[in-house]
Amino acid sequence: MDKKPDVPQNVDDYIFRFPLEIQEKLQKIRNIVKEAAPEATEKISYQLPTFYLFGNLVHFGAFKKHIGFYPTPSGMDLFDEELAPYKRAKGSVNFPLDKPIPYDLIEKIVRFRVMENLQKAEEKNKKEVKKLVK
């Protein structure tokens, strides 16, 4: 019989699964996102803490040697220079655990993603209204 992976039930559950030093980093990222995006809701998606505001805002998670931060590709483009020292893939960046986490940069990226998602929601809403008016 196949066992399903032990998926965290919520963000607290996810964070508490890690050693204290990692918990502190994850909680700090969580707090930064909450402050930068107070209207966003949090959930577990892709087995990672996820913030949602008119669509996925950011995901983040802890791994053996890094914190993964997933602000989508558009959330990284504007910050290319600042992200240059870090290993990146499409829509994700790895912050090594043995180096300081760039919390200020994370906050800037989250604030950009909030504006981006709000603009997309506004455009979508305008299209929906136009459909209703016709």
N, C-alpha and C. Protein backbone atom coordinates (compact mmCIF):
# COMPACT_ATOMS: atom_id res chain seq x y z
N MET A 1 0.83 -1.17 0.00
CA MET A 1 0.00 0.00 0.00
C MET A 1 0.89 1.25 0.00
N ASP A 2 0.62 2.16 -0.93
CA ASP A 2 1.41 3.39 -1.03
C ASP A 2 0.99 4.36 0.07
N LYS A 3 2.00 4.97 0.69
CA LYS A 3 1.72 5.99 1.69
C LYS A 3 1.83 7.35 1.05
N LYS A 4 0.88 8.21 1.34
CA LYS A 4 0.96 9.59 0.87
C LYS A 4 2.03 10.31 1.69
N PRO A 5 2.72 11.27 1.06
CA PRO A 5 3.70 12.03 1.84
C PRO A 5 3.01 12.80 2.95
N ASP A 6 3.74 13.02 4.01
CA ASP A 6 3.20 13.74 5.17
C ASP A 6 3.16 15.23 4.85
N VAL A 7 2.06 15.67 4.28
CA VAL A 7 1.91 17.05 3.84
C VAL A 7 1.53 17.92 5.04
N PRO A 8 2.22 19.05 5.22
CA PRO A 8 1.86 19.95 6.32
C PRO A 8 0.43 20.45 6.17
N GLN A 9 -0.26 20.60 7.29
CA GLN A 9 -1.65 21.04 7.28
C GLN A 9 -1.79 22.55 7.11
N ASN A 10 -0.79 23.28 7.59
CA ASN A 10 -0.82 24.74 7.49
C ASN A 10 0.62 25.26 7.60
N VAL A 11 0.79 26.56 7.54
CA VAL A 11 2.14 27.13 7.53
C VAL A 11 2.83 26.91 8.88
N ASP A 12 2.10 27.03 9.98
CA ASP A 12 2.70 26.74 11.29
C ASP A 12 3.25 25.32 11.32
N ASP A 13 2.45 24.38 10.88
CA ASP A 13 2.86 22.97 10.84
C ASP A 13 4.13 22.81 10.00
N TYR A 14 4.19 23.48 8.87
CA TYR A 14 5.37 23.41 8.00
C TYR A 14 6.61 23.92 8.75
N ILE A 15 6.50 25.10 9.33
CA ILE A 15 7.65 25.73 9.98
C ILE A 15 8.14 24.91 11.16
N PHE A 16 7.22 24.37 11.95
CA PHE A 16 7.60 23.64 13.16
C PHE A 16 8.30 22.31 12.87
N ARG A 17 8.36 21.90 11.63
CA ARG A 17 9.04 20.65 11.26
C ARG A 17 10.55 20.81 11.15
N PHE A 18 11.04 22.03 11.28
CA PHE A 18 12.46 22.31 11.07
C PHE A 18 13.16 22.66 12.38
N PRO A 19 14.50 22.54 12.39
CA PRO A 19 15.26 22.96 13.58
C PRO A 19 15.01 24.45 13.87
N LEU A 20 15.20 24.83 15.11
CA LEU A 20 14.88 26.18 15.57
C LEU A 20 15.53 27.27 14.70
N GLU A 21 16.79 27.11 14.34
CA GLU A 21 17.49 28.12 13.54
C GLU A 21 16.78 28.34 12.19
N ILE A 22 16.31 27.27 11.58
CA ILE A 22 15.60 27.36 10.30
C ILE A 22 14.20 27.93 10.53
N GLN A 23 13.55 27.51 11.62
CA GLN A 23 12.22 28.05 11.95
C GLN A 23 12.26 29.57 12.04
N GLU A 24 13.32 30.09 12.66
CA GLU A 24 13.43 31.54 12.82
C GLU A 24 13.51 32.24 11.47
N LYS A 25 14.26 31.68 10.54
CA LYS A 25 14.39 32.27 9.20
C LYS A 25 13.06 32.20 8.45
N LEU A 26 12.41 31.05 8.53
CA LEU A 26 11.12 30.89 7.85
C LEU A 26 10.08 31.84 8.44
N GLN A 27 10.06 31.94 9.76
CA GLN A 27 9.08 32.82 10.41
C GLN A 27 9.34 34.28 10.05
N LYS A 28 10.61 34.65 9.95
CA LYS A 28 10.93 36.03 9.58
C LYS A 28 10.44 36.32 8.15
N ILE A 29 10.65 35.38 7.23
CA ILE A 29 10.14 35.56 5.86
C ILE A 29 8.62 35.66 5.88
N ARG A 30 8.00 34.78 6.64
CA ARG A 30 6.53 34.81 6.76
C ARG A 30 6.06 36.17 7.26
N ASN A 31 6.71 36.70 8.29
CA ASN A 31 6.32 38.00 8.84
C ASN A 31 6.51 39.13 7.84
N ILE A 32 7.60 39.06 7.08
CA ILE A 32 7.86 40.07 6.05
C ILE A 32 6.73 40.06 5.02
N VAL A 33 6.34 38.87 4.59
CA VAL A 33 5.28 38.77 3.58
C VAL A 33 3.96 39.29 4.16
N LYS A 34 3.67 38.92 5.40
CA LYS A 34 2.43 39.39 6.03
C LYS A 34 2.39 40.91 6.14
N GLU A 35 3.53 41.52 6.46
CA GLU A 35 3.58 42.98 6.58
C GLU A 35 3.48 43.66 5.22
N ALA A 36 4.13 43.08 4.22
CA ALA A 36 4.13 43.67 2.88
C ALA A 36 2.82 43.41 2.13
N ALA A 37 2.13 42.35 2.53
CA ALA A 37 0.88 41.96 1.85
C ALA A 37 -0.17 41.57 2.88
N PRO A 38 -0.63 42.54 3.68
CA PRO A 38 -1.55 42.20 4.77
C PRO A 38 -2.87 41.59 4.33
N GLU A 39 -3.28 41.82 3.10
CA GLU A 39 -4.54 41.26 2.61
C GLU A 39 -4.38 39.84 2.05
N ALA A 40 -3.15 39.40 1.90
CA ALA A 40 -2.90 38.06 1.34
C ALA A 40 -3.30 36.98 2.35
N THR A 41 -3.72 35.85 1.82
CA THR A 41 -4.01 34.70 2.67
C THR A 41 -2.88 33.70 2.51
N GLU A 42 -2.66 32.91 3.57
CA GLU A 42 -1.61 31.92 3.49
C GLU A 42 -2.21 30.53 3.46
N LYS A 43 -1.50 29.65 2.79
CA LYS A 43 -1.94 28.27 2.68
C LYS A 43 -0.72 27.43 2.32
N ILE A 44 -0.91 26.13 2.28
CA ILE A 44 0.12 25.23 1.78
C ILE A 44 -0.27 24.87 0.35
N SER A 45 0.66 25.10 -0.56
CA SER A 45 0.47 24.74 -1.96
C SER A 45 1.80 24.21 -2.47
N TYR A 46 1.77 23.15 -3.22
CA TYR A 46 3.00 22.47 -3.65
C TYR A 46 3.83 22.05 -2.44
N GLN A 47 3.19 21.77 -1.34
CA GLN A 47 3.79 21.38 -0.08
C GLN A 47 4.70 22.46 0.50
N LEU A 48 4.45 23.71 0.13
CA LEU A 48 5.23 24.85 0.61
C LEU A 48 4.31 25.94 1.15
N PRO A 49 4.80 26.75 2.09
CA PRO A 49 4.03 27.92 2.49
C PRO A 49 3.82 28.83 1.28
N THR A 50 2.59 29.25 1.10
CA THR A 50 2.21 30.04 -0.07
C THR A 50 1.34 31.20 0.38
N PHE A 51 1.60 32.36 -0.17
CA PHE A 51 0.72 33.50 0.05
C PHE A 51 -0.03 33.77 -1.24
N TYR A 52 -1.32 34.04 -1.09
CA TYR A 52 -2.25 34.18 -2.21
C TYR A 52 -2.93 35.54 -2.13
N LEU A 53 -2.87 36.28 -3.22
CA LEU A 53 -3.56 37.57 -3.32
C LEU A 53 -3.94 37.75 -4.79
N PHE A 54 -5.19 37.45 -5.12
CA PHE A 54 -5.64 37.44 -6.51
C PHE A 54 -4.73 36.55 -7.36
N GLY A 55 -4.37 35.43 -6.82
CA GLY A 55 -3.44 34.49 -7.46
C GLY A 55 -2.25 34.27 -6.55
N ASN A 56 -1.39 33.32 -6.92
CA ASN A 56 -0.22 33.06 -6.10
C ASN A 56 0.67 34.30 -6.05
N LEU A 57 1.08 34.65 -4.85
CA LEU A 57 1.94 35.80 -4.65
C LEU A 57 3.39 35.32 -4.56
N VAL A 58 3.70 34.54 -3.53
CA VAL A 58 5.02 33.92 -3.37
C VAL A 58 4.86 32.60 -2.63
N HIS A 59 5.83 31.73 -2.86
CA HIS A 59 6.00 30.49 -2.08
C HIS A 59 7.39 30.58 -1.46
N PHE A 60 7.60 29.86 -0.37
CA PHE A 60 8.96 29.75 0.18
C PHE A 60 9.06 28.43 0.92
N GLY A 61 10.29 27.97 1.13
CA GLY A 61 10.47 26.72 1.84
C GLY A 61 11.92 26.48 2.20
N ALA A 62 12.11 25.59 3.17
CA ALA A 62 13.46 25.25 3.63
C ALA A 62 13.89 23.92 3.03
N PHE A 63 15.15 23.87 2.69
CA PHE A 63 15.76 22.66 2.14
C PHE A 63 17.08 22.42 2.87
N LYS A 64 17.77 21.37 2.50
CA LYS A 64 18.96 20.96 3.23
C LYS A 64 20.00 22.08 3.36
N LYS A 65 20.23 22.82 2.27
CA LYS A 65 21.29 23.83 2.29
C LYS A 65 20.83 25.24 1.95
N HIS A 66 19.53 25.41 1.74
CA HIS A 66 19.06 26.74 1.33
C HIS A 66 17.60 26.97 1.69
N ILE A 67 17.21 28.24 1.62
CA ILE A 67 15.81 28.63 1.66
C ILE A 67 15.43 28.91 0.22
N GLY A 68 14.39 28.25 -0.26
CA GLY A 68 13.89 28.51 -1.60
C GLY A 68 12.81 29.58 -1.54
N PHE A 69 12.90 30.53 -2.44
CA PHE A 69 11.92 31.62 -2.51
C PHE A 69 11.42 31.66 -3.94
N TYR A 70 10.10 31.65 -4.10
CA TYR A 70 9.47 31.48 -5.42
C TYR A 70 8.51 32.64 -5.69
N PRO A 71 9.02 33.75 -6.24
CA PRO A 71 8.16 34.90 -6.51
C PRO A 71 7.63 34.96 -7.94
N THR A 72 7.73 33.91 -8.69
CA THR A 72 7.40 33.82 -10.13
C THR A 72 8.48 34.52 -10.95
N PRO A 73 8.61 34.18 -12.22
CA PRO A 73 9.65 34.82 -13.04
C PRO A 73 9.53 36.34 -13.08
N SER A 74 8.33 36.86 -13.20
CA SER A 74 8.16 38.32 -13.27
C SER A 74 8.57 39.00 -11.97
N GLY A 75 8.46 38.29 -10.87
CA GLY A 75 8.85 38.83 -9.58
C GLY A 75 10.35 38.89 -9.39
N MET A 76 11.09 38.29 -10.32
CA MET A 76 12.54 38.29 -10.23
C MET A 76 13.19 39.23 -11.25
N ASP A 77 12.53 39.43 -12.37
CA ASP A 77 13.13 40.19 -13.47
C ASP A 77 13.63 41.57 -13.05
N LEU A 78 12.82 42.29 -12.32
CA LEU A 78 13.15 43.65 -11.90
C LEU A 78 14.34 43.69 -10.93
N PHE A 79 14.62 42.57 -10.28
CA PHE A 79 15.64 42.52 -9.24
C PHE A 79 16.85 41.69 -9.67
N ASP A 80 17.07 41.63 -10.97
CA ASP A 80 18.11 40.79 -11.54
C ASP A 80 19.49 41.06 -10.93
N GLU A 81 19.86 42.31 -10.81
CA GLU A 81 21.18 42.65 -10.25
C GLU A 81 21.30 42.22 -8.80
N GLU A 82 20.27 42.50 -8.01
CA GLU A 82 20.32 42.16 -6.59
C GLU A 82 20.29 40.65 -6.36
N LEU A 83 19.70 39.92 -7.29
CA LEU A 83 19.63 38.46 -7.16
C LEU A 83 20.83 37.76 -7.78
N ALA A 84 21.69 38.51 -8.46
CA ALA A 84 22.83 37.93 -9.17
C ALA A 84 23.71 37.01 -8.32
N PRO A 85 23.95 37.31 -7.04
CA PRO A 85 24.83 36.43 -6.25
C PRO A 85 24.23 35.06 -5.91
N TYR A 86 22.96 34.86 -6.19
CA TYR A 86 22.27 33.65 -5.75
C TYR A 86 21.97 32.71 -6.91
N LYS A 87 21.90 31.43 -6.58
CA LYS A 87 21.51 30.43 -7.57
C LYS A 87 20.03 30.64 -7.89
N ARG A 88 19.71 30.66 -9.19
CA ARG A 88 18.34 30.93 -9.60
C ARG A 88 17.90 29.93 -10.66
N ALA A 89 16.61 29.79 -10.75
CA ALA A 89 15.96 29.06 -11.84
C ALA A 89 14.75 29.89 -12.21
N LYS A 90 14.02 29.46 -13.20
CA LYS A 90 12.85 30.24 -13.64
C LYS A 90 11.86 30.40 -12.47
N GLY A 91 11.73 31.61 -11.99
CA GLY A 91 10.76 31.90 -10.95
C GLY A 91 11.18 31.54 -9.54
N SER A 92 12.45 31.15 -9.34
CA SER A 92 12.89 30.78 -8.00
C SER A 92 14.32 31.23 -7.75
N VAL A 93 14.61 31.40 -6.48
CA VAL A 93 15.96 31.76 -6.06
C VAL A 93 16.28 30.99 -4.78
N ASN A 94 17.55 30.58 -4.65
CA ASN A 94 18.00 29.86 -3.46
C ASN A 94 18.88 30.76 -2.62
N PHE A 95 18.51 30.93 -1.36
CA PHE A 95 19.32 31.69 -0.42
C PHE A 95 20.04 30.68 0.48
N PRO A 96 21.37 30.56 0.36
CA PRO A 96 22.10 29.57 1.16
C PRO A 96 21.92 29.79 2.65
N LEU A 97 21.80 28.69 3.38
CA LEU A 97 21.59 28.78 4.83
C LEU A 97 22.83 29.29 5.56
N ASP A 98 24.00 29.13 4.95
CA ASP A 98 25.23 29.56 5.62
C ASP A 98 25.60 31.02 5.32
N LYS A 99 24.70 31.74 4.67
CA LYS A 99 24.92 33.16 4.38
C LYS A 99 23.71 33.94 4.90
N PRO A 100 23.88 35.24 5.14
CA PRO A 100 22.73 36.04 5.60
C PRO A 100 21.60 36.04 4.56
N ILE A 101 20.38 35.89 5.03
CA ILE A 101 19.20 35.93 4.15
C ILE A 101 18.92 37.41 3.84
N PRO A 102 18.73 37.77 2.57
CA PRO A 102 18.49 39.18 2.21
C PRO A 102 17.02 39.57 2.44
N TYR A 103 16.67 39.75 3.70
CA TYR A 103 15.28 40.03 4.05
C TYR A 103 14.75 41.31 3.41
N ASP A 104 15.59 42.33 3.30
CA ASP A 104 15.14 43.58 2.66
C ASP A 104 14.78 43.35 1.20
N LEU A 105 15.57 42.54 0.53
CA LEU A 105 15.29 42.21 -0.87
C LEU A 105 14.00 41.41 -0.98
N ILE A 106 13.80 40.47 -0.08
CA ILE A 106 12.55 39.69 -0.07
C ILE A 106 11.36 40.63 0.06
N GLU A 107 11.47 41.60 0.97
CA GLU A 107 10.36 42.55 1.15
C GLU A 107 10.09 43.34 -0.13
N LYS A 108 11.14 43.81 -0.79
CA LYS A 108 10.96 44.56 -2.04
C LYS A 108 10.28 43.70 -3.11
N ILE A 109 10.70 42.46 -3.20
CA ILE A 109 10.11 41.56 -4.20
C ILE A 109 8.64 41.33 -3.89
N VAL A 110 8.32 41.10 -2.62
CA VAL A 110 6.92 40.86 -2.24
C VAL A 110 6.07 42.09 -2.55
N ARG A 111 6.56 43.27 -2.23
CA ARG A 111 5.80 44.49 -2.52
C ARG A 111 5.57 44.65 -4.03
N PHE A 112 6.57 44.31 -4.82
CA PHE A 112 6.40 44.35 -6.28
C PHE A 112 5.34 43.35 -6.72
N ARG A 113 5.38 42.14 -6.16
CA ARG A 113 4.41 41.11 -6.53
C ARG A 113 2.99 41.51 -6.14
N VAL A 114 2.84 42.20 -5.01
CA VAL A 114 1.51 42.69 -4.61
C VAL A 114 0.99 43.65 -5.67
N MET A 115 1.81 44.62 -6.07
CA MET A 115 1.38 45.58 -7.10
C MET A 115 1.05 44.85 -8.40
N GLU A 116 1.88 43.90 -8.76
CA GLU A 116 1.66 43.15 -10.00
C GLU A 116 0.33 42.39 -9.96
N ASN A 117 0.07 41.69 -8.86
CA ASN A 117 -1.18 40.93 -8.76
C ASN A 117 -2.40 41.84 -8.70
N LEU A 118 -2.27 42.98 -8.03
CA LEU A 118 -3.40 43.92 -7.98
C LEU A 118 -3.70 44.48 -9.36
N GLN A 119 -2.67 44.80 -10.13
CA GLN A 119 -2.88 45.29 -11.49
C GLN A 119 -3.56 44.24 -12.36
N LYS A 120 -3.10 43.00 -12.25
CA LYS A 120 -3.70 41.91 -13.03
C LYS A 120 -5.17 41.73 -12.65
N ALA A 121 -5.45 41.80 -11.35
CA ALA A 121 -6.83 41.64 -10.89
C ALA A 121 -7.71 42.78 -11.40
N GLU A 122 -7.16 43.99 -11.39
CA GLU A 122 -7.92 45.14 -11.88
C GLU A 122 -8.22 45.00 -13.37
N GLU A 123 -7.23 44.58 -14.15
CA GLU A 123 -7.43 44.37 -15.59
C GLU A 123 -8.47 43.29 -15.84
N LYS A 124 -8.37 42.22 -15.08
CA LYS A 124 -9.33 41.12 -15.24
C LYS A 124 -10.74 41.59 -14.89
N ASN A 125 -10.84 42.36 -13.82
CA ASN A 125 -12.13 42.88 -13.37
C ASN A 125 -12.74 43.79 -14.44
N LYS A 126 -11.91 44.63 -15.06
CA LYS A 126 -12.42 45.50 -16.13
C LYS A 126 -12.98 44.68 -17.28
N LYS A 127 -12.29 43.61 -17.63
CA LYS A 127 -12.76 42.74 -18.71
C LYS A 127 -14.08 42.07 -18.33
N GLU A 128 -14.18 41.64 -17.08
CA GLU A 128 -15.41 41.00 -16.60
C GLU A 128 -16.57 41.99 -16.63
N VAL A 129 -16.31 43.22 -16.22
CA VAL A 129 -17.35 44.25 -16.21
C VAL A 129 -17.80 44.54 -17.64
N LYS A 130 -16.86 44.64 -18.56
CA LYS A 130 -17.20 44.90 -19.97
C LYS A 130 -18.09 43.79 -20.53
N LYS A 131 -17.80 42.55 -20.15
CA LYS A 131 -18.62 41.42 -20.61
C LYS A 131 -20.05 41.55 -20.09
N LEU A 132 -20.18 41.97 -18.84
CA LEU A 132 -21.51 42.10 -18.23
C LEU A 132 -22.30 43.26 -18.83
N VAL A 133 -21.62 44.33 -19.20
CA VAL A 133 -22.27 45.52 -19.73
C VAL A 133 -22.78 45.30 -21.15
N LYS A 134 -22.11 44.48 -21.91
CA LYS A 134 -22.51 44.24 -23.32
C LYS A 134 -23.86 43.61 -23.43
